[in-house]
Every structure is written in structure tokens, then in C-alpha cells.
């Protein structure tokens, strides 16, 4: 009986760790697709745009960071439940070295080659306004969440458990509503960035992070919610709402109202994608474990690599966009993965600098 329980616990952790890895790795597909956007000018841009890739990055953007912060909150309280002594220092240590090393040493190369952006290189604004962060803004926000949430851990760990139907309601309605409300407040009061904090995303995603903590407290019931049945139902509702929002019937409405409706429906997609990804990765195969181990490094390196690869290889080439996109994704993934596998993973110093892990 005990071995069965332990195996079930292992499956839960494998599945959720795989979720965290996949949501980080999706950044590679998301940022590569932005090169070919028909409505958004990214760091580097192709003369050839693609409606398909625009739909792809919009779809990924609709759930990826919400789901990532939710899973991060789950693991945050999980680690706290195991050892509260030295907990906060350990969590911050996982973030600060990679943030500083990549933000100060690698991101300047990316920013210099980003010909669609302008940076205040000779001004302190480059640091004060968070221009140095780039794609590492999520790490800065995690630092804020770790510090703010630490006193709450002692309360959350003692909270009463809630029913599965209330967890679903939180996914679908409660968390999206309060996240949108926090976003509106931040836009009015604290818009912009300061050092390593990006205030609109800091406010918006915090409720997903807190909900992740709540999911750990209710971990058995949370896992029970992550079924294919709930995934299909949630995805169907999200697609129906998205279809309705894009009907010409609502074209007379203020675009901000339509954006708000889209944000409010994102919880359906978040639940669907977490459930699907969890069930795909819960077996804990060697492949999923390797992806989970390397995902942090891949995310740190992927955006600078995308910019460098496009700038030096594809900028002047006349290649069909789909083939070019696939090549950029594959090349970026392979370089980042091999860097982790052959260098960072095998060097205690590099493992600390890029993953914040100290080998004992």
C-alpha cells in the first residue's frame, strides 16, 4: 500500500514538473513566431508575415504564463511544506544568479542585435526601467512573488481543503476575474518597469501564483480535476467564447471590452492545457525528465539564440517562412539543450550561475 501511494505521488510530481517544463519551452515556439507577425513588431522581423504563426503565438500567449505561474505557486508551497527553515533564501538563490548572469552578460548581445528596438545604452534608464530584462521579466516577478508570499505560506499551509468543484470554479471564473481586476489597477497606478519588476504582469499573474499555492494545499483534489474530460469541456467553452468575441456582431464594442472578455475566458484554456500536459507527462519517462531538467536553461538562452540565429543566418536569406521558422526552432532548441547537457549540467559553477543550483 505504501509503495502504491509513493508511486502515485511520484506520478503527480512528474506530471506537474513536465507541465512547468513544457510551458517554459513553449516560449521558444512563441518568440520564434513573433518574427512573422502580421500585427506586432518584435526584436527582429521578417518581411514575410504569416496568419498561421500569428494565430499560433496568440494561442500560446492565451494560457502559457498563467499556467506557468500556477504551477510555480504549486511547487513554491510544496518546497515550503518540506522545509521552512532557509526556504526563502533557497528560492531566491534559484532566481538571482541566472537573472544577473543572463540579464547582464547575454541579454546585451540580444538587445544590440534587436534592430527593431531602441535602448538607452548610455543612460541608467537601461537598468532602472528594466530594459536589460528582456524575456527574463518572469524571473523578476517570481522574486516579488517569493518575497510577498512568504508570510502567507504559514497561513496557506493551515487552510482547510476545498471541494473539487470549487477548484474548477477558481480556474474558470474567480482567478481570471481577480487577475483582470489587478491588471486594470496596475495600468492605472504602476504601469511600466522598475529594475527587475514589470508591474502590469506582476499584478496580473499573482493570483494565478496564489491559486497554485492553494492547489498544492488541495493537491489530491487538484490532480483529480486534471482529467481529459475537464480538458475537453474547458477547451470547448474557450473556443466558443473566442469565436463569439471575434464575430462581427460585436465589432461596435470598445476593443478593450473584447480584450477583457478574452482575459476572463483564459481560465478555461489554462485548465485544459494543464490537464492535457499533466496526463502526457505523468509517466515520468527518461525523455520527459531530461526535458524538465534542461527547460530552465533552454528558456534562459532561447530568446538571445533566436535573435542571433535570425540576424546572422536568415535575415538576408530568401527562405519560405514555414521552413525558416522550423529551422529556427530546431536550431535554437538543439544549441540550448546541448549547452545544458554537455556544459552546464556537468559543471557545478555553471549549474549555479545558470540554474541557481548548488551541488552538495
Protein backbone atom coordinates (compact mmCIF):
# COMPACT_ATOMS: atom_id res chain seq x y z
CA UNK A 1 0.00 0.00 0.00
CA UNK A 2 2.79 2.39 0.92
CA UNK A 3 4.65 1.71 -2.34
CA UNK A 4 1.46 2.38 -4.29
CA UNK A 5 0.98 5.72 -2.52
CA UNK A 6 4.60 6.69 -3.16
CA UNK A 7 4.25 5.77 -6.83
CA UNK A 8 1.14 7.92 -7.12
CA UNK A 9 2.96 10.86 -5.52
CA UNK A 10 5.83 10.39 -7.97
CA UNK A 11 3.41 10.42 -10.90
CA UNK A 12 1.84 13.64 -9.66
CA UNK A 13 5.22 15.35 -9.42
CA UNK A 14 6.43 14.04 -12.78
CA UNK A 15 3.26 15.30 -14.46
CA UNK A 16 3.37 18.75 -12.89
CA UNK A 17 7.12 19.12 -13.39
CA UNK A 18 6.54 18.24 -17.04
CA UNK A 19 3.85 20.96 -17.17
CA UNK A 20 6.31 23.54 -15.87
CA UNK A 21 8.92 22.45 -18.42
CA UNK A 22 6.51 22.48 -21.38
CA UNK A 23 5.14 25.93 -20.55
CA UNK A 24 8.70 27.26 -20.43
CA UNK A 25 9.69 25.53 -23.67
CA UNK A 26 6.65 26.93 -25.45
CA UNK A 27 8.40 30.29 -25.19
CA UNK A 28 10.69 29.08 -27.95
CA UNK A 29 7.77 28.50 -30.33
CA UNK A 30 6.07 31.71 -29.20
CA UNK A 31 9.01 34.08 -29.67
CA UNK A 32 10.09 32.49 -32.96
CA UNK A 33 6.56 33.00 -34.31
CA UNK A 34 6.67 36.71 -33.41
CA UNK A 35 9.26 37.23 -36.16
CA UNK A 36 6.50 36.60 -38.71
CA UNK A 37 3.69 38.52 -37.01
CA UNK A 38 1.30 40.46 -39.19
CA UNK A 39 0.39 42.89 -36.38
CA UNK A 40 3.29 43.08 -33.90
CA UNK A 41 6.85 44.29 -34.46
CA UNK A 42 9.22 42.13 -32.44
CA UNK A 43 13.01 42.44 -31.85
CA UNK A 44 13.76 41.19 -35.35
CA UNK A 45 11.16 40.82 -38.06
CA UNK A 46 10.72 39.12 -41.40
CA UNK A 47 9.35 40.83 -44.47
CA UNK A 48 7.14 37.78 -44.85
CA UNK A 49 4.23 37.56 -42.41
CA UNK A 50 2.07 34.56 -41.56
CA UNK A 51 -1.51 34.43 -40.36
CA UNK A 52 -0.96 30.87 -39.15
CA UNK A 53 2.05 31.77 -36.99
CA UNK A 54 0.18 34.84 -35.72
CA UNK A 55 -2.66 32.58 -34.58
CA UNK A 56 -0.11 30.19 -33.08
CA UNK A 57 1.57 32.81 -30.89
CA UNK A 58 -1.78 34.29 -29.88
CA UNK A 59 -2.97 30.84 -28.82
CA UNK A 60 0.20 30.15 -26.81
CA UNK A 61 0.05 33.60 -25.25
CA UNK A 62 -3.52 32.98 -24.08
CA UNK A 63 -2.51 30.39 -21.49
CA UNK A 64 1.25 29.86 -21.21
CA UNK A 65 2.31 32.29 -18.48
CA UNK A 66 -0.92 31.89 -16.49
CA UNK A 67 -0.34 28.14 -16.42
CA UNK A 68 3.37 28.53 -15.66
CA UNK A 69 2.80 30.80 -12.66
CA UNK A 70 0.08 28.50 -11.34
CA UNK A 71 2.47 25.52 -11.42
CA UNK A 72 5.20 27.70 -9.90
CA UNK A 73 2.90 28.52 -6.99
CA UNK A 74 2.21 24.81 -6.50
CA UNK A 75 5.90 23.97 -6.23
CA UNK A 76 6.58 27.05 -4.10
CA UNK A 77 4.30 25.84 -1.31
CA UNK A 78 5.41 22.24 -1.85
CA UNK A 79 9.03 23.16 -1.09
CA UNK A 80 7.92 25.28 1.88
CA UNK A 81 5.98 22.33 3.31
CA UNK A 82 9.16 20.23 3.29
CA UNK A 83 11.49 22.75 4.90
CA UNK A 84 10.55 26.24 6.01
CA UNK A 85 13.99 26.98 7.51
CA UNK A 86 16.13 28.76 4.92
CA UNK A 87 13.30 28.34 2.43
CA UNK A 88 13.15 31.93 1.15
CA UNK A 89 16.92 32.24 0.71
CA UNK A 90 16.99 28.99 -1.24
CA UNK A 91 14.14 30.09 -3.52
CA UNK A 92 15.75 33.46 -4.22
CA UNK A 93 19.07 31.76 -4.92
CA UNK A 94 17.42 29.79 -7.72
CA UNK A 95 16.47 33.08 -9.38
CA UNK A 96 19.09 35.77 -8.76
CA UNK A 97 22.27 34.19 -10.28
CA UNK A 98 20.58 33.22 -13.60
CA UNK A 99 18.80 36.58 -13.74
CA UNK A 100 22.01 38.57 -13.28
CA UNK A 101 24.26 36.38 -15.45
CA UNK A 102 21.88 36.21 -18.39
CA UNK A 103 20.47 39.71 -17.96
CA UNK A 104 23.82 41.48 -17.69
CA UNK A 105 26.08 39.30 -19.85
CA UNK A 106 23.92 37.65 -22.52
CA UNK A 107 20.93 39.97 -23.00
CA UNK A 108 23.10 42.95 -24.10
CA UNK A 109 24.12 40.91 -27.17
CA UNK A 110 20.46 40.19 -27.92
CA UNK A 111 19.46 43.81 -27.38
CA UNK A 112 22.28 45.10 -29.59
CA UNK A 113 21.14 42.87 -32.48
CA UNK A 114 17.45 43.69 -31.97
CA UNK A 115 17.23 46.23 -34.78
CA UNK A 116 13.51 46.83 -34.22
CA UNK A 117 14.12 48.12 -30.67
CA UNK A 118 15.84 51.21 -29.26
CA UNK A 119 17.73 51.07 -25.95
CA UNK A 120 19.17 53.78 -23.70
CA UNK A 121 22.65 52.28 -23.65
CA UNK A 122 24.35 55.36 -22.21
CA UNK A 123 21.70 56.06 -19.61
CA UNK A 124 20.87 54.48 -16.28
CA UNK A 125 17.36 54.06 -17.69
CA UNK A 126 18.59 50.86 -19.31
CA UNK A 127 18.72 49.34 -15.81
CA UNK A 128 16.21 51.46 -13.90
CA UNK A 129 13.40 50.93 -16.44
CA UNK A 130 14.12 47.21 -16.76
CA UNK A 131 15.28 47.34 -20.39
CA UNK A 132 18.01 44.84 -19.52
CA UNK A 133 15.45 42.19 -18.53
CA UNK A 134 14.07 41.18 -21.91
CA UNK A 135 12.43 37.77 -21.63
CA UNK A 136 13.69 37.44 -18.03
CA UNK A 137 10.88 39.63 -16.68
CA UNK A 138 9.19 36.47 -15.40
CA UNK A 139 12.14 35.83 -13.08
CA UNK A 140 11.91 39.34 -11.67
CA UNK A 141 8.23 38.79 -10.97
CA UNK A 142 8.97 35.46 -9.29
CA UNK A 143 11.34 37.27 -6.92
CA UNK A 144 8.49 39.60 -5.99
CA UNK A 145 6.08 36.69 -5.53
CA UNK A 146 8.53 34.72 -3.40
CA UNK A 147 9.06 37.64 -1.02
CA UNK A 148 5.44 38.79 -0.83
CA UNK A 149 4.04 35.28 -0.43
CA UNK A 150 6.46 34.03 2.19
CA UNK A 151 4.45 35.27 5.22
CA UNK A 152 1.30 33.86 3.59
CA UNK A 153 2.81 30.37 3.42
CA UNK A 154 2.32 29.89 7.16
CA UNK A 155 -1.37 30.66 6.68
CA UNK A 156 -1.94 28.74 3.44
CA UNK A 157 -0.36 25.58 4.76
CA UNK A 158 -3.04 25.55 7.52
CA UNK A 159 -6.02 26.38 5.30
CA UNK A 160 -8.95 23.99 5.10
CA UNK A 161 -9.26 21.98 1.91
CA UNK A 162 -11.90 22.86 -0.66
CA UNK A 163 -14.04 20.70 -2.95
CA UNK A 164 -13.08 19.85 -6.50
CA UNK A 165 -15.95 21.84 -7.96
CA UNK A 166 -14.62 24.98 -6.25
CA UNK A 167 -11.18 24.38 -7.75
CA UNK A 168 -12.80 24.25 -11.18
CA UNK A 169 -14.75 27.44 -10.43
CA UNK A 170 -11.50 29.14 -9.44
CA UNK A 171 -9.95 28.10 -12.75
CA UNK A 172 -12.92 29.24 -14.81
CA UNK A 173 -14.12 32.40 -13.08
CA UNK A 174 -12.56 33.51 -9.78
CA UNK A 175 -8.85 33.70 -10.70
CA UNK A 176 -9.36 35.28 -14.17
CA UNK A 177 -11.67 37.91 -12.64
CA UNK A 178 -9.28 39.00 -9.88
CA UNK A 179 -6.30 38.83 -12.25
CA UNK A 180 -8.06 41.15 -14.69
CA UNK A 181 -9.01 43.48 -11.84
CA UNK A 182 -5.37 43.58 -10.68
CA UNK A 183 -4.24 44.31 -14.24
CA UNK A 184 -6.61 47.27 -14.51
CA UNK A 185 -5.35 48.64 -11.19
CA UNK A 186 -1.71 48.27 -12.26
CA UNK A 187 -2.36 50.06 -15.56
CA UNK A 188 -3.81 52.99 -13.63
CA UNK A 189 -1.25 53.17 -10.82
CA UNK A 190 2.01 51.31 -11.53
CA UNK A 191 2.38 50.90 -15.28
CA UNK A 192 5.92 50.26 -16.53
CA UNK A 193 9.01 48.53 -15.15
CA UNK A 194 11.48 49.24 -12.37
CA UNK A 195 14.79 47.37 -12.08
CA UNK A 196 13.60 43.73 -12.25
CA UNK A 197 9.86 44.23 -11.72
CA UNK A 198 7.29 44.62 -14.52
CA UNK A 199 4.22 45.90 -12.74
CA UNK A 200 1.33 45.03 -15.06
CA UNK A 201 2.41 41.38 -15.31
CA UNK A 202 3.41 41.34 -11.63
CA UNK A 203 -0.13 42.27 -10.63
CA UNK A 204 -1.90 40.21 -13.27
CA UNK A 205 -0.21 36.84 -12.74
CA UNK A 206 -0.03 36.97 -8.95
CA UNK A 207 -3.48 35.50 -8.48
CA UNK A 208 -2.50 32.53 -10.64
CA UNK A 209 0.58 32.07 -8.45
CA UNK A 210 -1.54 32.20 -5.28
CA UNK A 211 -4.04 29.80 -6.81
CA UNK A 212 -1.15 27.42 -7.48
CA UNK A 213 -0.31 27.53 -3.76
CA UNK A 214 -3.94 26.74 -2.99
CA UNK A 215 -3.79 23.83 -5.46
CA UNK A 216 -0.87 22.34 -3.54
CA UNK A 217 -2.83 22.55 -0.30
CA UNK A 218 -5.58 20.64 -2.13
CA UNK A 219 -3.19 18.56 -4.23
CA UNK A 220 -5.23 15.34 -4.38
CA UNK A 221 -8.38 17.14 -5.47
CA UNK A 222 -6.38 19.37 -7.80
CA UNK A 223 -4.98 16.30 -9.54
CA UNK A 224 -8.45 14.79 -9.73
CA UNK A 225 -9.59 17.88 -11.65
CA UNK A 226 -6.88 17.38 -14.31
CA UNK A 227 -8.82 14.90 -16.44
CA UNK A 228 -9.24 14.73 -20.19
CA UNK A 229 -12.97 15.19 -19.66
CA UNK A 230 -12.45 18.55 -17.96
CA UNK A 231 -9.83 19.45 -20.55
CA UNK A 232 -12.24 18.85 -23.45
CA UNK A 233 -15.09 20.69 -21.75
CA UNK A 234 -12.91 23.67 -20.84
CA UNK A 235 -11.33 23.86 -24.30
CA UNK A 236 -14.77 23.73 -25.94
CA UNK A 237 -16.04 26.61 -23.81
CA UNK A 238 -12.91 28.66 -24.50
CA UNK A 239 -13.19 28.11 -28.27
CA UNK A 240 -16.90 29.02 -28.22
CA UNK A 241 -16.21 32.25 -26.31
CA UNK A 242 -13.28 33.13 -28.59
CA UNK A 243 -15.41 32.50 -31.67
CA UNK A 244 -18.17 34.72 -30.27
CA UNK A 245 -15.72 37.52 -29.41
CA UNK A 246 -14.40 37.57 -32.98
CA UNK A 247 -17.83 37.77 -34.60
CA UNK A 248 -18.53 40.99 -36.49
CA UNK A 249 -21.64 41.30 -34.35
CA UNK A 250 -19.50 42.69 -31.53
CA UNK A 251 -17.36 44.98 -33.68
CA UNK A 252 -19.17 48.07 -32.34
CA UNK A 253 -17.84 47.44 -28.83
CA UNK A 254 -14.74 49.09 -27.43
CA UNK A 255 -11.74 46.82 -28.19
CA UNK A 256 -10.80 46.98 -24.51
CA UNK A 257 -14.06 45.22 -23.61
CA UNK A 258 -13.28 42.44 -26.07
CA UNK A 259 -9.76 42.11 -24.62
CA UNK A 260 -11.26 41.90 -21.14
CA UNK A 261 -13.67 39.18 -22.28
CA UNK A 262 -10.74 37.27 -23.74
CA UNK A 263 -8.79 37.55 -20.47
CA UNK A 264 -11.81 36.38 -18.48
CA UNK A 265 -12.14 33.28 -20.66
CA UNK A 266 -8.45 32.37 -20.41
CA UNK A 267 -9.03 30.27 -17.27
CA UNK A 268 -10.86 27.68 -19.36
CA UNK A 269 -7.84 27.27 -21.64
CA UNK A 270 -5.42 27.24 -18.69
CA UNK A 271 -7.25 24.30 -17.11
CA UNK A 272 -7.44 22.48 -20.45
CA UNK A 273 -3.75 22.83 -21.23
CA UNK A 274 -2.56 21.94 -17.72
CA UNK A 275 -4.77 18.83 -17.72
CA UNK A 276 -3.58 17.68 -21.15
CA UNK A 277 0.09 18.34 -20.42
CA UNK A 278 -0.09 16.72 -16.99
CA UNK A 279 -1.56 13.50 -18.37
CA UNK A 280 1.01 13.36 -21.16
CA UNK A 281 3.93 13.71 -18.75
CA UNK A 282 2.86 11.92 -15.59
CA UNK A 283 4.55 8.63 -16.52
CA UNK A 284 7.93 10.23 -15.91
CA UNK A 285 9.85 8.77 -18.85
CA UNK A 286 13.55 9.48 -19.29
CA UNK A 287 12.70 11.90 -22.12
CA UNK A 288 10.27 13.96 -20.03
CA UNK A 289 12.74 14.05 -17.13
CA UNK A 290 15.53 15.25 -19.43
CA UNK A 291 13.28 17.97 -20.85
CA UNK A 292 12.28 19.03 -17.34
CA UNK A 293 15.91 19.21 -16.20
CA UNK A 294 17.00 21.31 -19.17
CA UNK A 295 13.94 23.56 -19.54
CA UNK A 296 15.27 26.33 -17.28
CA UNK A 297 18.47 26.65 -19.29
CA UNK A 298 16.64 26.45 -22.59
CA UNK A 299 14.32 29.26 -21.60
CA UNK A 300 17.16 31.47 -20.41
CA UNK A 301 19.07 31.05 -23.67
CA UNK A 302 16.32 30.68 -26.24
CA UNK A 303 15.46 34.31 -26.98
CA UNK A 304 19.06 35.54 -27.41
CA UNK A 305 19.68 32.49 -29.62
CA UNK A 306 16.62 33.21 -31.76
CA UNK A 307 17.76 36.79 -32.35
CA UNK A 308 21.37 35.78 -33.10
CA UNK A 309 20.33 32.94 -35.45
CA UNK A 310 17.87 35.09 -37.36
CA UNK A 311 20.22 38.10 -37.57
CA UNK A 312 23.27 36.22 -38.83
CA UNK A 313 21.65 33.42 -40.88
CA UNK A 314 18.13 34.20 -42.05
CA UNK A 315 17.87 37.99 -42.18
CA UNK A 316 19.21 38.25 -45.72
CA UNK A 317 18.07 34.81 -46.95
CA UNK A 318 15.00 34.37 -49.10
CA UNK A 319 13.59 31.23 -47.48
CA UNK A 320 9.97 30.14 -47.26
CA UNK A 321 8.73 31.32 -43.83
CA UNK A 322 7.46 27.93 -42.63
CA UNK A 323 10.76 26.21 -43.38
CA UNK A 324 12.66 29.11 -41.83
CA UNK A 325 10.52 29.01 -38.68
CA UNK A 326 11.05 25.28 -38.22
CA UNK A 327 14.80 25.64 -38.68
CA UNK A 328 15.00 28.48 -36.13
CA UNK A 329 13.06 26.45 -33.56
CA UNK A 330 15.16 23.30 -34.09
CA UNK A 331 18.50 25.13 -34.10
CA UNK A 332 17.64 27.15 -31.00
CA UNK A 333 16.43 24.11 -29.10
CA UNK A 334 19.42 21.95 -30.03
CA UNK A 335 22.02 24.61 -29.17
CA UNK A 336 20.37 25.42 -25.82
CA UNK A 337 19.77 21.77 -24.93
CA UNK A 338 23.32 20.68 -25.78
CA UNK A 339 24.73 23.66 -23.87
CA UNK A 340 22.85 22.46 -20.81
CA UNK A 341 23.61 18.75 -21.28
CA UNK A 342 27.32 18.97 -22.11
CA UNK A 343 28.38 22.07 -20.16
CA UNK A 344 26.00 23.47 -17.56
CA UNK A 345 24.78 20.14 -16.18
CA UNK A 346 28.34 18.84 -15.73
CA UNK A 347 29.86 21.96 -14.16
CA UNK A 348 28.92 22.91 -10.56
CA UNK A 349 29.90 26.53 -11.25
CA UNK A 350 27.81 26.83 -14.42
CA UNK A 351 24.93 24.96 -12.80
CA UNK A 352 24.89 27.56 -10.04
CA UNK A 353 25.22 30.53 -12.41
CA UNK A 354 22.57 29.38 -14.90
CA UNK A 355 20.19 27.31 -12.74
CA UNK A 356 20.84 28.60 -9.22
CA UNK A 357 21.59 25.05 -8.06
CA UNK A 358 24.43 24.29 -5.66
CA UNK A 359 25.67 20.72 -5.73
CA UNK A 360 26.35 19.33 -2.28
